[in-house]
């Protein structure tokens, strides 16, 4: 935080002299002392925030990738002449505890084309999906895992790989055999 205060002082002055640097150090120290005493900041809090930067950057990159992928899917839907959308409302729970992270998740969902966050109450999200292919609540939700990594709750888990049993093939012969 001290570095941010000092950098802001230098940027707002628009030039560099020794006098500006010395006054910047003094005023940055005073501002940091104020935040330490009255706002609860300390070097420990600054270090904890600094350690979350890699998780936040990974989340931002992942969000941009998801937005690009969703844009491509929506473009394909628009350009497909026989496409019939099947909009739906999806409701799901999240394990995120902090309000700012709930807001970040809700805004991230809304930023992604094809989905809109309709309502958030406590840990329950209601999402409108343009089509069932955008259903964000049925499988492991990667955005939630990445936000929880920023929150410090846990690190994103690797997706579990399970093999689904092959579905039986229904033909007229198998249906007739069942009737007998």
Protein backbone atom coordinates (compact mmCIF):
# COMPACT_ATOMS: atom_id res chain seq x y z
CA UNK A 1 0.00 0.00 0.00
CA UNK A 2 2.89 2.31 0.78
CA UNK A 3 4.27 1.80 -2.74
CA UNK A 4 0.85 2.61 -4.21
CA UNK A 5 0.64 5.84 -2.22
CA UNK A 6 4.15 6.86 -3.26
CA UNK A 7 3.53 6.00 -6.93
CA UNK A 8 0.29 7.99 -6.88
CA UNK A 9 2.16 10.99 -5.43
CA UNK A 10 4.79 10.85 -8.16
CA UNK A 11 2.26 10.39 -10.97
CA UNK A 12 0.04 13.23 -9.79
CA UNK A 13 3.04 15.59 -9.55
CA UNK A 14 3.92 14.91 -13.17
CA UNK A 15 7.66 15.38 -12.76
CA UNK A 16 10.51 14.11 -10.59
CA UNK A 17 12.77 16.10 -8.36
CA UNK A 18 14.48 15.16 -5.13
CA UNK A 19 12.14 17.48 -3.23
CA UNK A 20 9.07 15.79 -4.74
CA UNK A 21 10.55 12.38 -3.88
CA UNK A 22 11.24 13.31 -0.25
CA UNK A 23 7.78 14.86 0.23
CA UNK A 24 6.29 11.80 -1.48
CA UNK A 25 7.98 9.50 1.01
CA UNK A 26 6.75 11.61 3.92
CA UNK A 27 3.15 11.86 2.69
CA UNK A 28 3.04 8.19 1.63
CA UNK A 29 4.25 7.27 5.13
CA UNK A 30 1.56 9.44 6.74
CA UNK A 31 -1.16 8.00 4.50
CA UNK A 32 0.02 4.44 5.18
CA UNK A 33 0.10 5.13 8.92
CA UNK A 34 -3.47 6.42 8.72
CA UNK A 35 -4.68 3.32 6.86
CA UNK A 36 -2.81 1.09 9.28
CA UNK A 37 -4.37 2.71 12.36
CA UNK A 38 -7.93 3.44 11.17
CA UNK A 39 -8.60 1.04 8.28
CA UNK A 40 -6.95 -2.16 9.45
CA UNK A 41 -4.19 -2.33 6.84
CA UNK A 42 -0.82 -3.71 7.82
CA UNK A 43 2.16 -5.29 6.09
CA UNK A 44 0.57 -8.68 6.85
CA UNK A 45 -2.64 -7.71 5.01
CA UNK A 46 -0.62 -6.25 2.13
CA UNK A 47 1.36 -9.47 1.83
CA UNK A 48 -1.82 -11.58 1.86
CA UNK A 49 -3.30 -9.42 -0.92
CA UNK A 50 -0.05 -9.62 -2.88
CA UNK A 51 -0.11 -13.43 -2.67
CA UNK A 52 -3.59 -13.48 -4.26
CA UNK A 53 -2.45 -11.68 -7.40
CA UNK A 54 -1.53 -14.86 -9.34
CA UNK A 55 -4.97 -16.38 -8.65
CA UNK A 56 -6.67 -13.16 -9.75
CA UNK A 57 -4.64 -13.05 -12.96
CA UNK A 58 -5.48 -16.71 -13.71
CA UNK A 59 -9.15 -15.92 -13.11
CA UNK A 60 -9.03 -12.91 -15.45
CA UNK A 61 -7.36 -14.92 -18.22
CA UNK A 62 -9.86 -17.75 -17.75
CA UNK A 63 -12.76 -15.28 -17.90
CA UNK A 64 -11.51 -13.79 -21.17
CA UNK A 65 -11.13 -17.30 -22.66
CA UNK A 66 -14.66 -18.24 -21.55
CA UNK A 67 -16.08 -15.03 -23.03
CA UNK A 68 -14.37 -15.74 -26.37
CA UNK A 69 -15.61 -19.34 -26.41
CA UNK A 70 -19.17 -18.28 -25.56
CA UNK A 71 -19.05 -15.57 -28.25
CA UNK A 72 -18.11 -18.18 -30.85
CA UNK A 73 -20.95 -20.47 -29.73
CA UNK A 74 -23.49 -17.62 -29.87
CA UNK A 75 -22.24 -16.60 -33.32
CA UNK A 76 -22.69 -20.18 -34.55
CA UNK A 77 -26.22 -20.20 -33.13
CA UNK A 78 -27.09 -16.93 -34.84
CA UNK A 79 -25.68 -18.00 -38.20
CA UNK A 80 -27.35 -21.41 -38.08
CA UNK A 81 -30.68 -20.94 -39.91
CA UNK A 82 -32.48 -23.87 -38.26
CA UNK A 83 -31.40 -23.07 -34.69
CA UNK A 84 -34.24 -23.02 -32.18
CA UNK A 85 -33.15 -21.71 -28.80
CA UNK A 86 -34.25 -23.54 -25.68
CA UNK A 87 -33.91 -20.88 -22.97
CA UNK A 88 -34.00 -22.01 -19.41
CA UNK A 89 -33.56 -20.81 -15.85
CA UNK A 90 -30.92 -22.65 -13.85
CA UNK A 91 -30.61 -22.50 -10.08
CA UNK A 92 -27.49 -23.62 -8.20
CA UNK A 93 -25.67 -23.17 -4.91
CA UNK A 94 -22.14 -21.88 -4.45
CA UNK A 95 -19.69 -22.20 -1.57
CA UNK A 96 -18.39 -18.63 -1.83
CA UNK A 97 -18.71 -16.67 1.41
CA UNK A 98 -17.58 -13.11 0.74
CA UNK A 99 -20.02 -10.70 -0.90
CA UNK A 100 -17.42 -9.14 -3.20
CA UNK A 101 -16.63 -12.58 -4.62
CA UNK A 102 -20.34 -13.38 -5.07
CA UNK A 103 -20.68 -10.12 -7.01
CA UNK A 104 -17.60 -10.98 -9.09
CA UNK A 105 -19.08 -14.38 -9.96
CA UNK A 106 -22.48 -12.90 -10.82
CA UNK A 107 -20.89 -10.26 -13.05
CA UNK A 108 -18.65 -12.84 -14.71
CA UNK A 109 -21.66 -14.98 -15.57
CA UNK A 110 -23.46 -11.95 -16.99
CA UNK A 111 -20.40 -10.91 -19.01
CA UNK A 112 -20.32 -14.32 -20.67
CA UNK A 113 -22.57 -14.27 -23.77
CA UNK A 114 -25.61 -16.53 -23.53
CA UNK A 115 -26.01 -16.25 -19.74
CA UNK A 116 -27.47 -13.61 -17.43
CA UNK A 117 -27.50 -13.61 -13.65
CA UNK A 118 -31.15 -13.03 -12.75
CA UNK A 119 -30.96 -13.24 -8.96
CA UNK A 120 -28.50 -13.93 -6.15
CA UNK A 121 -29.73 -14.65 -2.64
CA UNK A 122 -27.15 -15.72 -0.08
CA UNK A 123 -25.40 -18.58 -1.87
CA UNK A 124 -28.19 -19.36 -4.36
CA UNK A 125 -27.82 -18.16 -7.97
CA UNK A 126 -30.57 -17.98 -10.58
CA UNK A 127 -29.17 -17.84 -14.12
CA UNK A 128 -30.98 -17.42 -17.44
CA UNK A 129 -29.31 -19.44 -20.19
CA UNK A 130 -29.93 -18.80 -23.88
CA UNK A 131 -29.77 -22.50 -24.60
CA UNK A 132 -29.27 -25.69 -22.61
CA UNK A 133 -25.66 -25.82 -23.85
CA UNK A 134 -24.95 -22.78 -21.61
CA UNK A 135 -26.20 -24.50 -18.45
CA UNK A 136 -23.65 -23.37 -15.87
CA UNK A 137 -25.05 -25.17 -12.85
CA UNK A 138 -25.07 -28.85 -13.78
CA UNK A 139 -21.36 -29.65 -13.97
CA UNK A 140 -18.38 -28.60 -11.89
CA UNK A 141 -18.35 -24.82 -12.15
CA UNK A 142 -14.79 -23.70 -12.88
CA UNK A 143 -15.43 -19.99 -12.31
CA UNK A 144 -16.54 -20.68 -8.75
CA UNK A 145 -13.38 -22.73 -8.08
CA UNK A 146 -11.16 -19.95 -9.40
CA UNK A 147 -12.91 -17.29 -7.31
CA UNK A 148 -12.59 -19.49 -4.24
CA UNK A 149 -8.85 -19.74 -4.96
CA UNK A 150 -8.70 -15.94 -4.87
CA UNK A 151 -10.76 -15.96 -1.68
CA UNK A 152 -8.34 -18.44 -0.15
CA UNK A 153 -10.97 -21.15 0.33
CA UNK A 154 -9.33 -23.78 -1.81
CA UNK A 155 -7.45 -24.21 -5.01
CA UNK A 156 -9.29 -25.23 -8.16
CA UNK A 157 -9.70 -28.97 -8.25
CA UNK A 158 -8.81 -30.97 -11.29
CA UNK A 159 -11.97 -32.20 -13.00
CA UNK A 160 -12.85 -35.74 -12.12
CA UNK A 161 -12.70 -38.04 -15.10
CA UNK A 162 -15.49 -40.57 -15.08
CA UNK A 163 -16.50 -42.84 -17.85
CA UNK A 164 -20.20 -42.93 -18.53
CA UNK A 165 -21.75 -46.29 -19.23
CA UNK A 166 -22.86 -46.62 -22.82
CA UNK A 167 -26.56 -46.04 -23.27
CA UNK A 168 -28.55 -48.98 -24.66
CA UNK A 169 -29.58 -48.73 -28.27
CA UNK A 170 -33.32 -48.79 -28.67
CA UNK A 171 -34.52 -50.36 -31.87
CA UNK A 172 -37.83 -51.84 -32.87
CA UNK A 173 -36.45 -55.36 -32.26
CA UNK A 174 -35.35 -54.57 -28.69
CA UNK A 175 -38.67 -52.91 -27.93
CA UNK A 176 -40.55 -55.97 -29.28
CA UNK A 177 -38.37 -58.26 -27.16
CA UNK A 178 -39.24 -56.23 -24.04
CA UNK A 179 -42.95 -56.51 -24.76
CA UNK A 180 -42.74 -60.34 -24.89
